[in-house]
PDB file of N, CA and C in Angstrom:
ATOM      1  N   MET A   1       0.841  -1.174   0.000  1.00  0.00           N
ATOM      2  CA  MET A   1       0.000   0.000   0.000  1.00  0.00           C
ATOM      3  C   MET A   1       0.885   1.235   0.000  1.00  0.00           C
ATOM      4  N   ARG A   2       0.411   2.250  -0.724  1.00  0.00           N
ATOM      5  CA  ARG A   2       1.117   3.529  -0.803  1.00  0.00           C
ATOM      6  C   ARG A   2       0.126   4.657  -0.658  1.00  0.00           C
ATOM      7  N   ILE A   3       0.470   5.669   0.090  1.00  0.00           N
ATOM      8  CA  ILE A   3      -0.358   6.865   0.210  1.00  0.00           C
ATOM      9  C   ILE A   3       0.329   7.974  -0.575  1.00  0.00           C
ATOM     10  N   PHE A   4      -0.431   8.618  -1.457  1.00  0.00           N
ATOM     11  CA  PHE A   4       0.119   9.670  -2.307  1.00  0.00           C
ATOM     12  C   PHE A   4      -0.373  11.039  -1.864  1.00  0.00           C
ATOM     13  N   GLN A   5       0.486  12.026  -2.005  1.00  0.00           N
ATOM     14  CA  GLN A   5       0.108  13.423  -1.937  1.00  0.00           C
ATOM     15  C   GLN A   5       0.492  14.009  -3.298  1.00  0.00           C
ATOM     16  N   VAL A   6      -0.440  13.943  -4.205  1.00  0.00           N
ATOM     17  CA  VAL A   6      -0.189  14.352  -5.577  1.00  0.00           C
ATOM     18  C   VAL A   6      -1.032  15.585  -5.868  1.00  0.00           C
ATOM     19  N   HIS A   7      -0.411  16.586  -6.458  1.00  0.00           N
ATOM     20  CA  HIS A   7      -1.111  17.841  -6.704  1.00  0.00           C
ATOM     21  C   HIS A   7      -1.232  18.177  -8.188  1.00  0.00           C
ATOM     22  N   ARG A   8      -0.366  17.613  -8.987  1.00  0.00           N
ATOM     23  CA  ARG A   8      -0.384  17.941 -10.413  1.00  0.00           C
ATOM     24  C   ARG A   8      -1.220  16.914 -11.184  1.00  0.00           C
ATOM     25  N   PRO A   9      -2.161  17.399 -11.996  1.00  0.00           N
ATOM     26  CA  PRO A   9      -3.005  16.475 -12.764  1.00  0.00           C
ATOM     27  C   PRO A   9      -2.201  15.484 -13.596  1.00  0.00           C
ATOM     28  N   GLN A  10      -1.086  15.916 -14.170  1.00  0.00           N
ATOM     29  CA  GLN A  10      -0.295  15.010 -15.005  1.00  0.00           C
ATOM     30  C   GLN A  10       0.307  13.872 -14.183  1.00  0.00           C
ATOM     31  N   ASP A  11       0.591  14.122 -12.889  1.00  0.00           N
ATOM     32  CA  ASP A  11       1.104  13.063 -12.031  1.00  0.00           C
ATOM     33  C   ASP A  11       0.007  12.044 -11.710  1.00  0.00           C
ATOM     34  N   ILE A  12      -1.194  12.539 -11.466  1.00  0.00           N
ATOM     35  CA  ILE A  12      -2.333  11.652 -11.207  1.00  0.00           C
ATOM     36  C   ILE A  12      -2.607  10.808 -12.450  1.00  0.00           C
ATOM     37  N   LYS A  13      -2.582  11.462 -13.597  1.00  0.00           N
ATOM     38  CA  LYS A  13      -2.813  10.753 -14.861  1.00  0.00           C
ATOM     39  C   LYS A  13      -1.760   9.664 -15.067  1.00  0.00           C
ATOM     40  N   GLN A  14      -0.512   9.970 -14.740  1.00  0.00           N
ATOM     41  CA  GLN A  14       0.568   8.990 -14.901  1.00  0.00           C
ATOM     42  C   GLN A  14       0.352   7.776 -14.000  1.00  0.00           C
ATOM     43  N   ILE A  15      -0.085   8.013 -12.771  1.00  0.00           N
ATOM     44  CA  ILE A  15      -0.360   6.892 -11.866  1.00  0.00           C
ATOM     45  C   ILE A  15      -1.439   5.994 -12.469  1.00  0.00           C
ATOM     46  N   MET A  16      -2.493   6.607 -13.006  1.00  0.00           N
ATOM     47  CA  MET A  16      -3.573   5.828 -13.623  1.00  0.00           C
ATOM     48  C   MET A  16      -3.072   5.081 -14.859  1.00  0.00           C
ATOM     49  N   GLN A  17      -2.214   5.728 -15.645  1.00  0.00           N
ATOM     50  CA  GLN A  17      -1.653   5.060 -16.825  1.00  0.00           C
ATOM     51  C   GLN A  17      -0.780   3.891 -16.406  1.00  0.00           C
ATOM     52  N   ASP A  18      -0.032   4.041 -15.316  1.00  0.00           N
ATOM     53  CA  ASP A  18       0.808   2.953 -14.814  1.00  0.00           C
ATOM     54  C   ASP A  18      -0.039   1.755 -14.395  1.00  0.00           C
ATOM     55  N   ILE A  19      -1.251   2.029 -13.909  1.00  0.00           N
ATOM     56  CA  ILE A  19      -2.179   0.957 -13.528  1.00  0.00           C
ATOM     57  C   ILE A  19      -2.829   0.339 -14.772  1.00  0.00           C
ATOM     58  N   ARG A  20      -2.687   1.010 -15.890  1.00  0.00           N
ATOM     59  CA  ARG A  20      -3.287   0.616 -17.166  1.00  0.00           C
ATOM     60  C   ARG A  20      -4.799   0.855 -17.201  1.00  0.00           C
ATOM     61  N   VAL A  21      -5.196   1.978 -16.621  1.00  0.00           N
ATOM     62  CA  VAL A  21      -6.597   2.386 -16.682  1.00  0.00           C
ATOM     63  C   VAL A  21      -6.908   2.776 -18.122  1.00  0.00           C
ATOM     64  N   ASP A  22      -8.095   2.432 -18.575  1.00  0.00           N
ATOM     65  CA  ASP A  22      -8.541   2.792 -19.918  1.00  0.00           C
ATOM     66  C   ASP A  22      -8.498   4.318 -20.068  1.00  0.00           C
ATOM     67  N   PRO A  23      -8.036   4.839 -21.214  1.00  0.00           N
ATOM     68  CA  PRO A  23      -7.948   6.287 -21.408  1.00  0.00           C
ATOM     69  C   PRO A  23      -9.276   7.018 -21.150  1.00  0.00           C
ATOM     70  N   TYR A  24     -10.384   6.413 -21.547  1.00  0.00           N
ATOM     71  CA  TYR A  24     -11.687   7.041 -21.281  1.00  0.00           C
ATOM     72  C   TYR A  24     -11.958   7.082 -19.773  1.00  0.00           C
ATOM     73  N   GLY A  25     -11.568   6.034 -19.059  1.00  0.00           N
ATOM     74  CA  GLY A  25     -11.714   6.001 -17.606  1.00  0.00           C
ATOM     75  C   GLY A  25     -10.891   7.089 -16.938  1.00  0.00           C
ATOM     76  N   ILE A  26      -9.685   7.307 -17.453  1.00  0.00           N
ATOM     77  CA  ILE A  26      -8.830   8.377 -16.915  1.00  0.00           C
ATOM     78  C   ILE A  26      -9.525   9.718 -17.097  1.00  0.00           C
ATOM     79  N   GLU A  27     -10.087   9.942 -18.271  1.00  0.00           N
ATOM     80  CA  GLU A  27     -10.782  11.201 -18.563  1.00  0.00           C
ATOM     81  C   GLU A  27     -11.927  11.431 -17.575  1.00  0.00           C
ATOM     82  N   ILE A  28     -12.660  10.378 -17.249  1.00  0.00           N
ATOM     83  CA  ILE A  28     -13.796  10.491 -16.330  1.00  0.00           C
ATOM     84  C   ILE A  28     -13.330  10.688 -14.887  1.00  0.00           C
ATOM     85  N   MET A  29     -12.286   9.962 -14.482  1.00  0.00           N
ATOM     86  CA  MET A  29     -11.877   9.963 -13.071  1.00  0.00           C
ATOM     87  C   MET A  29     -10.926  11.096 -12.691  1.00  0.00           C
ATOM     88  N   LEU A  30     -10.195  11.647 -13.637  1.00  0.00           N
ATOM     89  CA  LEU A  30      -9.204  12.672 -13.309  1.00  0.00           C
ATOM     90  C   LEU A  30      -9.811  13.863 -12.564  1.00  0.00           C
ATOM     91  N   PRO A  31     -10.962  14.416 -12.994  1.00  0.00           N
ATOM     92  CA  PRO A  31     -11.532  15.537 -12.228  1.00  0.00           C
ATOM     93  C   PRO A  31     -11.908  15.163 -10.791  1.00  0.00           C
ATOM     94  N   LYS A  32     -12.169  13.888 -10.547  1.00  0.00           N
ATOM     95  CA  LYS A  32     -12.503  13.442  -9.192  1.00  0.00           C
ATOM     96  C   LYS A  32     -11.263  13.345  -8.315  1.00  0.00           C
ATOM     97  N   ALA A  33     -10.097  13.262  -8.926  1.00  0.00           N
ATOM     98  CA  ALA A  33      -8.844  13.084  -8.189  1.00  0.00           C
ATOM     99  C   ALA A  33      -8.126  14.398  -7.918  1.00  0.00           C
ATOM    100  N   ILE A  34      -8.562  15.475  -8.556  1.00  0.00           N
ATOM    101  CA  ILE A  34      -7.906  16.775  -8.391  1.00  0.00           C
ATOM    102  C   ILE A  34      -8.681  17.552  -7.324  1.00  0.00           C
ATOM    103  N   HIS A  35      -8.060  17.771  -6.171  1.00  0.00           N
ATOM    104  CA  HIS A  35      -8.712  18.425  -5.040  1.00  0.00           C
ATOM    105  C   HIS A  35      -8.234  19.863  -4.878  1.00  0.00           C
ATOM    106  N   TYR A  36      -9.165  20.711  -4.458  1.00  0.00           N
ATOM    107  CA  TYR A  36      -8.867  22.126  -4.268  1.00  0.00           C
ATOM    108  C   TYR A  36      -9.388  22.616  -2.927  1.00  0.00           C
ATOM    109  N   LEU A  37      -8.714  23.615  -2.387  1.00  0.00           N
ATOM    110  CA  LEU A  37      -9.186  24.418  -1.266  1.00  0.00           C
ATOM    111  C   LEU A  37      -9.293  25.842  -1.789  1.00  0.00           C
ATOM    112  N   ILE A  38     -10.453  26.439  -1.629  1.00  0.00           N
ATOM    113  CA  ILE A  38     -10.656  27.814  -2.091  1.00  0.00           C
ATOM    114  C   ILE A  38     -11.112  28.649  -0.902  1.00  0.00           C
ATOM    115  N   LYS A  39     -10.357  29.691  -0.570  1.00  0.00           N
ATOM    116  CA  LYS A  39     -10.720  30.568   0.545  1.00  0.00           C
ATOM    117  C   LYS A  39     -11.381  31.812  -0.009  1.00  0.00           C
ATOM    118  N   MET A  40     -12.531  32.139   0.574  1.00  0.00           N
ATOM    119  CA  MET A  40     -13.248  33.351   0.204  1.00  0.00           C
ATOM    120  C   MET A  40     -13.328  34.227   1.446  1.00  0.00           C
ATOM    121  N   ASN A  41     -13.142  35.518   1.264  1.00  0.00           N
ATOM    122  CA  ASN A  41     -13.137  36.455   2.386  1.00  0.00           C
ATOM    123  C   ASN A  41     -14.430  37.248   2.452  1.00  0.00           C
ATOM    124  N   SER A  42     -14.886  37.477   3.669  1.00  0.00           N
ATOM    125  CA  SER A  42     -15.987  38.385   3.968  1.00  0.00           C
ATOM    126  C   SER A  42     -17.234  38.117   3.116  1.00  0.00           C
ATOM    127  N   ILE A  43     -17.740  36.903   3.229  1.00  0.00           N
ATOM    128  CA  ILE A  43     -18.943  36.481   2.509  1.00  0.00           C
ATOM    129  C   ILE A  43     -20.128  36.622   3.464  1.00  0.00           C
ATOM    130  N   SER A  44     -21.271  37.036   2.960  1.00  0.00           N
ATOM    131  CA  SER A  44     -22.444  37.143   3.831  1.00  0.00           C
ATOM    132  C   SER A  44     -22.784  35.767   4.396  1.00  0.00           C
ATOM    133  N   ASN A  45     -23.348  35.752   5.599  1.00  0.00           N
ATOM    134  CA  ASN A  45     -23.670  34.461   6.206  1.00  0.00           C
ATOM    135  C   ASN A  45     -24.719  33.712   5.388  1.00  0.00           C
ATOM    136  N   ILE A  46     -25.601  34.406   4.696  1.00  0.00           N
ATOM    137  CA  ILE A  46     -26.583  33.754   3.831  1.00  0.00           C
ATOM    138  C   ILE A  46     -25.868  33.032   2.690  1.00  0.00           C
ATOM    139  N   THR A  47     -24.964  33.738   2.029  1.00  0.00           N
ATOM    140  CA  THR A  47     -24.203  33.153   0.924  1.00  0.00           C
ATOM    141  C   THR A  47     -23.363  31.978   1.404  1.00  0.00           C
ATOM    142  N   ALA A  48     -22.699  32.150   2.540  1.00  0.00           N
ATOM    143  CA  ALA A  48     -21.849  31.087   3.076  1.00  0.00           C
ATOM    144  C   ALA A  48     -22.668  29.840   3.411  1.00  0.00           C
ATOM    145  N   ASN A  49     -23.838  30.021   3.996  1.00  0.00           N
ATOM    146  CA  ASN A  49     -24.676  28.871   4.348  1.00  0.00           C
ATOM    147  C   ASN A  49     -25.191  28.151   3.106  1.00  0.00           C
ATOM    148  N   ILE A  50     -25.534  28.894   2.069  1.00  0.00           N
ATOM    149  CA  ILE A  50     -25.965  28.263   0.816  1.00  0.00           C
ATOM    150  C   ILE A  50     -24.799  27.499   0.199  1.00  0.00           C
ATOM    151  N   LEU A  51     -23.615  28.116   0.184  1.00  0.00           N
ATOM    152  CA  LEU A  51     -22.431  27.425  -0.338  1.00  0.00           C
ATOM    153  C   LEU A  51     -22.191  26.124   0.416  1.00  0.00           C
ATOM    154  N   LYS A  52     -22.303  26.176   1.746  1.00  0.00           N
ATOM    155  CA  LYS A  52     -22.078  24.978   2.557  1.00  0.00           C
ATOM    156  C   LYS A  52     -23.104  23.901   2.212  1.00  0.00           C
ATOM    157  N   GLN A  53     -24.360  24.268   2.123  1.00  0.00           N
ATOM    158  CA  GLN A  53     -25.404  23.294   1.791  1.00  0.00           C
ATOM    159  C   GLN A  53     -25.169  22.673   0.419  1.00  0.00           C
ATOM    160  N   GLU A  54     -24.836  23.501  -0.550  1.00  0.00           N
ATOM    161  CA  GLU A  54     -24.634  23.001  -1.911  1.00  0.00           C
ATOM    162  C   GLU A  54     -23.421  22.079  -1.985  1.00  0.00           C
ATOM    163  N   MET A  55     -22.316  22.465  -1.332  1.00  0.00           N
ATOM    164  CA  MET A  55     -21.128  21.607  -1.375  1.00  0.00           C
ATOM    165  C   MET A  55     -21.362  20.297  -0.627  1.00  0.00           C
ATOM    166  N   LEU A  56     -22.068  20.346   0.497  1.00  0.00           N
ATOM    167  CA  LEU A  56     -22.385  19.112   1.214  1.00  0.00           C
ATOM    168  C   LEU A  56     -23.213  18.180   0.343  1.00  0.00           C
ATOM    169  N   SER A  57     -24.134  18.748  -0.430  1.00  0.00           N
ATOM    170  CA  SER A  57     -24.972  17.919  -1.304  1.00  0.00           C
ATOM    171  C   SER A  57     -24.160  17.258  -2.409  1.00  0.00           C
ATOM    172  N   LEU A  58     -22.982  17.814  -2.707  1.00  0.00           N
ATOM    173  CA  LEU A  58     -22.114  17.279  -3.755  1.00  0.00           C
ATOM    174  C   LEU A  58     -20.991  16.411  -3.196  1.00  0.00           C
ATOM    175  N   GLY A  59     -20.931  16.281  -1.880  1.00  0.00           N
ATOM    176  CA  GLY A  59     -19.885  15.471  -1.258  1.00  0.00           C
ATOM    177  C   GLY A  59     -18.669  16.271  -0.825  1.00  0.00           C
ATOM    178  N   GLY A  60     -18.702  17.580  -1.000  1.00  0.00           N
ATOM    179  CA  GLY A  60     -17.627  18.447  -0.538  1.00  0.00           C
ATOM    180  C   GLY A  60     -18.024  19.074   0.786  1.00  0.00           C
ATOM    181  N   ASP A  61     -17.388  20.180   1.139  1.00  0.00           N
ATOM    182  CA  ASP A  61     -17.747  20.873   2.378  1.00  0.00           C
ATOM    183  C   ASP A  61     -17.267  22.310   2.302  1.00  0.00           C
ATOM    184  N   VAL A  62     -17.759  23.126   3.228  1.00  0.00           N
ATOM    185  CA  VAL A  62     -17.322  24.512   3.368  1.00  0.00           C
ATOM    186  C   VAL A  62     -17.179  24.797   4.857  1.00  0.00           C
ATOM    187  N   ALA A  63     -16.007  25.249   5.254  1.00  0.00           N
ATOM    188  CA  ALA A  63     -15.768  25.642   6.643  1.00  0.00           C
ATOM    189  C   ALA A  63     -16.128  27.113   6.789  1.00  0.00           C
ATOM    190  N   VAL A  64     -16.963  27.410   7.784  1.00  0.00           N
ATOM    191  CA  VAL A  64     -17.387  28.788   8.048  1.00  0.00           C
ATOM    192  C   VAL A  64     -17.253  29.062   9.540  1.00  0.00           C
ATOM    193  N   ALA A  65     -17.285  30.329   9.905  1.00  0.00           N
ATOM    194  CA  ALA A  65     -17.239  30.696  11.316  1.00  0.00           C
ATOM    195  C   ALA A  65     -18.482  30.183  12.026  1.00  0.00           C
ATOM    196  N   ARG A  66     -18.322  29.784  13.269  1.00  0.00           N
ATOM    197  CA  ARG A  66     -19.440  29.268  14.054  1.00  0.00           C
ATOM    198  C   ARG A  66     -20.589  30.272  14.102  1.00  0.00           C
ATOM    199  N   GLY A  67     -20.275  31.526  14.261  1.00  0.00           N
ATOM    200  CA  GLY A  67     -21.301  32.564  14.336  1.00  0.00           C
ATOM    201  C   GLY A  67     -22.110  32.702  13.060  1.00  0.00           C
ATOM    202  N   CYS A  68     -21.565  32.253  11.961  1.00  0.00           N
ATOM    203  CA  CYS A  68     -22.284  32.268  10.683  1.00  0.00           C
ATOM    204  C   CYS A  68     -23.452  31.300  10.732  1.00  0.00           C
ATOM    205  N   LEU A  69     -23.223  30.139  11.299  1.00  0.00           N
ATOM    206  CA  LEU A  69     -24.262  29.119  11.367  1.00  0.00           C
ATOM    207  C   LEU A  69     -25.363  29.487  12.350  1.00  0.00           C
ATOM    208  N   THR A  70     -24.998  30.224  13.408  1.00  0.00           N
ATOM    209  CA  THR A  70     -25.981  30.601  14.420  1.00  0.00           C
ATOM    210  C   THR A  70     -26.655  31.927  14.114  1.00  0.00           C
ATOM    211  N   GLY A  71     -26.140  32.653  13.131  1.00  0.00           N
ATOM    212  CA  GLY A  71     -26.701  33.951  12.774  1.00  0.00           C
ATOM    213  C   GLY A  71     -26.182  35.101  13.617  1.00  0.00           C
ATOM    214  N   LYS A  72     -25.178  34.863  14.457  1.00  0.00           N
ATOM    215  CA  LYS A  72     -24.639  35.911  15.324  1.00  0.00           C
ATOM    216  C   LYS A  72     -23.762  36.909  14.577  1.00  0.00           C
ATOM    217  N   ILE A  73     -23.231  36.497  13.428  1.00  0.00           N
ATOM    218  CA  ILE A  73     -22.414  37.413  12.631  1.00  0.00           C
ATOM    219  C   ILE A  73     -23.029  37.550  11.246  1.00  0.00           C
ATOM    220  N   LYS A  74     -22.721  38.640  10.589  1.00  0.00           N
ATOM    221  CA  LYS A  74     -23.287  38.914   9.263  1.00  0.00           C
ATOM    222  C   LYS A  74     -22.389  38.436   8.130  1.00  0.00           C
ATOM    223  N   LYS A  75     -21.062  38.379   8.391  1.00  0.00           N
ATOM    224  CA  LYS A  75     -20.104  37.991   7.351  1.00  0.00           C
ATOM    225  C   LYS A  75     -19.097  37.004   7.915  1.00  0.00           C
ATOM    226  N   THR A  76     -18.551  36.180   7.034  1.00  0.00           N
ATOM    227  CA  THR A  76     -17.546  35.191   7.433  1.00  0.00           C
ATOM    228  C   THR A  76     -16.589  34.937   6.275  1.00  0.00           C
ATOM    229  N   ASP A  77     -15.377  34.558   6.617  1.00  0.00           N
ATOM    230  CA  ASP A  77     -14.498  33.949   5.626  1.00  0.00           C
ATOM    231  C   ASP A  77     -14.945  32.495   5.520  1.00  0.00           C
ATOM    232  N   CYS A  78     -14.663  31.868   4.418  1.00  0.00           N
ATOM    233  CA  CYS A  78     -15.003  30.453   4.307  1.00  0.00           C
ATOM    234  C   CYS A  78     -13.957  29.737   3.462  1.00  0.00           C
ATOM    235  N   LEU A  79     -13.856  28.437   3.709  1.00  0.00           N
ATOM    236  CA  LEU A  79     -12.916  27.586   3.001  1.00  0.00           C
ATOM    237  C   LEU A  79     -13.702  26.477   2.315  1.00  0.00           C
ATOM    238  N   LEU A  80     -13.753  26.542   0.989  1.00  0.00           N
ATOM    239  CA  LEU A  80     -14.449  25.526   0.202  1.00  0.00           C
ATOM    240  C   LEU A  80     -13.489  24.375  -0.051  1.00  0.00           C
ATOM    241  N   MET A  81     -13.995  23.143   0.122  1.00  0.00           N
ATOM    242  CA  MET A  81     -13.174  21.948  -0.025  1.00  0.00           C
ATOM    243  C   MET A  81     -13.877  20.963  -0.948  1.00  0.00           C
ATOM    244  N   GLY A  82     -13.205  20.605  -2.031  1.00  0.00           N
ATOM    245  CA  GLY A  82     -13.806  19.644  -2.934  1.00  0.00           C
ATOM    246  C   GLY A  82     -12.895  19.300  -4.085  1.00  0.00           C
ATOM    247  N   ASN A  83     -13.362  18.369  -4.887  1.00  0.00           N
ATOM    248  CA  ASN A  83     -12.582  18.010  -6.060  1.00  0.00           C
ATOM    249  C   ASN A  83     -13.099  18.793  -7.269  1.00  0.00           C
ATOM    250  N   LEU A  84     -12.376  18.700  -8.361  1.00  0.00           N
ATOM    251  CA  LEU A  84     -12.713  19.472  -9.549  1.00  0.00           C
ATOM    252  C   LEU A  84     -14.118  19.151 -10.051  1.00  0.00           C
ATOM    253  N   ALA A  85     -14.500  17.879 -10.015  1.00  0.00           N
ATOM    254  CA  ALA A  85     -15.841  17.495 -10.471  1.00  0.00           C
ATOM    255  C   ALA A  85     -16.910  18.144  -9.600  1.00  0.00           C
ATOM    256  N   GLN A  86     -16.693  18.186  -8.285  1.00  0.00           N
ATOM    257  CA  GLN A  86     -17.661  18.815  -7.384  1.00  0.00           C
ATOM    258  C   GLN A  86     -17.753  20.310  -7.638  1.00  0.00           C
ATOM    259  N   PHE A  87     -16.606  20.966  -7.854  1.00  0.00           N
ATOM    260  CA  PHE A  87     -16.639  22.400  -8.136  1.00  0.00           C
ATOM    261  C   PHE A  87     -17.314  22.695  -9.472  1.00  0.00           C
ATOM    262  N   ASN A  88     -17.132  21.837 -10.451  1.00  0.00           N
ATOM    263  CA  ASN A  88     -17.833  22.028 -11.729  1.00  0.00           C
ATOM    264  C   ASN A  88     -19.342  21.941 -11.539  1.00  0.00           C
ATOM    265  N   ARG A  89     -19.809  20.970 -10.755  1.00  0.00           N
ATOM    266  CA  ARG A  89     -21.246  20.844 -10.490  1.00  0.00           C
ATOM    267  C   ARG A  89     -21.747  22.005  -9.635  1.00  0.00           C
ATOM    268  N   LEU A  90     -20.927  22.439  -8.666  1.00  0.00           N
ATOM    269  CA  LEU A  90     -21.295  23.596  -7.847  1.00  0.00           C
ATOM    270  C   LEU A  90     -21.489  24.818  -8.728  1.00  0.00           C
ATOM    271  N   ASN A  91     -20.592  25.004  -9.662  1.00  0.00           N
ATOM    272  CA  ASN A  91     -20.672  26.148 -10.565  1.00  0.00           C
ATOM    273  C   ASN A  91     -22.002  26.155 -11.322  1.00  0.00           C
ATOM    274  N   GLN A  92     -22.447  25.008 -11.773  1.00  0.00           N
ATOM    275  CA  GLN A  92     -23.730  24.909 -12.470  1.00  0.00           C
ATOM    276  C   GLN A  92     -24.887  25.273 -11.545  1.00  0.00           C
ATOM    277  N   LYS A  93     -24.821  24.844 -10.291  1.00  0.00           N
ATOM    278  CA  LYS A  93     -25.877  25.148  -9.328  1.00  0.00           C
ATOM    279  C   LYS A  93     -25.893  26.637  -8.966  1.00  0.00           C
ATOM    280  N   LEU A  94     -24.714  27.229  -8.783  1.00  0.00           N
ATOM    281  CA  LEU A  94     -24.629  28.629  -8.372  1.00  0.00           C
ATOM    282  C   LEU A  94     -25.168  29.557  -9.447  1.00  0.00           C
ATOM    283  N   ASN A  95     -25.047  29.152 -10.677  1.00  0.00           N
ATOM    284  CA  ASN A  95     -25.507  29.969 -11.795  1.00  0.00           C
ATOM    285  C   ASN A  95     -26.993  30.315 -11.673  1.00  0.00           C
ATOM    286  N   LYS A  96     -27.753  29.495 -10.949  1.00  0.00           N
ATOM    287  CA  LYS A  96     -29.196  29.683 -10.814  1.00  0.00           C
ATOM    288  C   LYS A  96     -29.600  30.269  -9.464  1.00  0.00           C
ATOM    289  N   GLN A  97     -28.626  30.599  -8.620  1.00  0.00           N
ATOM    290  CA  GLN A  97     -28.915  31.037  -7.251  1.00  0.00           C
ATOM    291  C   GLN A  97     -28.960  32.562  -7.133  1.00  0.00           C
ATOM    292  N   PRO A  98     -29.754  33.067  -6.157  1.00  0.00           N
ATOM    293  CA  PRO A  98     -29.757  34.501  -5.856  1.00  0.00           C
ATOM    294  C   PRO A  98     -28.608  34.864  -4.917  1.00  0.00           C
ATOM    295  N   PHE A  99     -28.685  36.027  -4.312  1.00  0.00           N
ATOM    296  CA  PHE A  99     -27.738  36.532  -3.314  1.00  0.00           C
ATOM    297  C   PHE A  99     -26.317  36.688  -3.852  1.00  0.00           C
ATOM    298  N   GLY A 100     -26.184  36.924  -5.157  1.00  0.00           N
ATOM    299  CA  GLY A 100     -24.883  37.131  -5.753  1.00  0.00           C
ATOM    300  C   GLY A 100     -24.119  35.843  -6.045  1.00  0.00           C
ATOM    301  N   LEU A 101     -24.709  34.706  -5.746  1.00  0.00           N
ATOM    302  CA  LEU A 101     -24.027  33.438  -6.015  1.00  0.00           C
ATOM    303  C   LEU A 101     -23.860  33.195  -7.506  1.00  0.00           C
ATOM    304  N   ASN A 102     -24.798  33.694  -8.292  1.00  0.00           N
ATOM    305  CA  ASN A 102     -24.662  33.554  -9.746  1.00  0.00           C
ATOM    306  C   ASN A 102     -23.428  34.274 -10.261  1.00  0.00           C
ATOM    307  N   LYS A 103     -23.025  35.358  -9.592  1.00  0.00           N
ATOM    308  CA  LYS A 103     -21.809  36.072  -9.997  1.00  0.00           C
ATOM    309  C   LYS A 103     -20.563  35.269  -9.638  1.00  0.00           C
ATOM    310  N   LEU A 104     -20.637  34.513  -8.545  1.00  0.00           N
ATOM    311  CA  LEU A 104     -19.501  33.654  -8.184  1.00  0.00           C
ATOM    312  C   LEU A 104     -19.249  32.598  -9.239  1.00  0.00           C
ATOM    313  N   SER A 105     -20.319  32.138  -9.878  1.00  0.00           N
ATOM    314  CA  SER A 105     -20.152  31.094 -10.887  1.00  0.00           C
ATOM    315  C   SER A 105     -19.390  31.598 -12.108  1.00  0.00           C
ATOM    316  N   GLU A 106     -19.409  32.892 -12.318  1.00  0.00           N
ATOM    317  CA  GLU A 106     -18.664  33.460 -13.444  1.00  0.00           C
ATOM    318  C   GLU A 106     -17.176  33.369 -13.174  1.00  0.00           C
TER     319      GLU A 106
END
């Protein structure tokens, strides 16, 4: 068994090629293997809570200040966590959302 910390898509692709994964399979799985952390500053608690709900529904997550969840604060920084496939789906969902989330999708 080996645990990898791989950040470059070409390295992930090479590992899959070494396993002899079908090229079409690599194309499908590569976005699932590329993980990102995105930090956003001073987001309204409404926007942050919607982002958290949407990412949770996709299998990702968003870290927000505790006061954001309880409504004690109006704004929070947040850390979005997910893979490329999840962020692509999030982008499609945000495009239809109010509260300025549609602008984030751009």
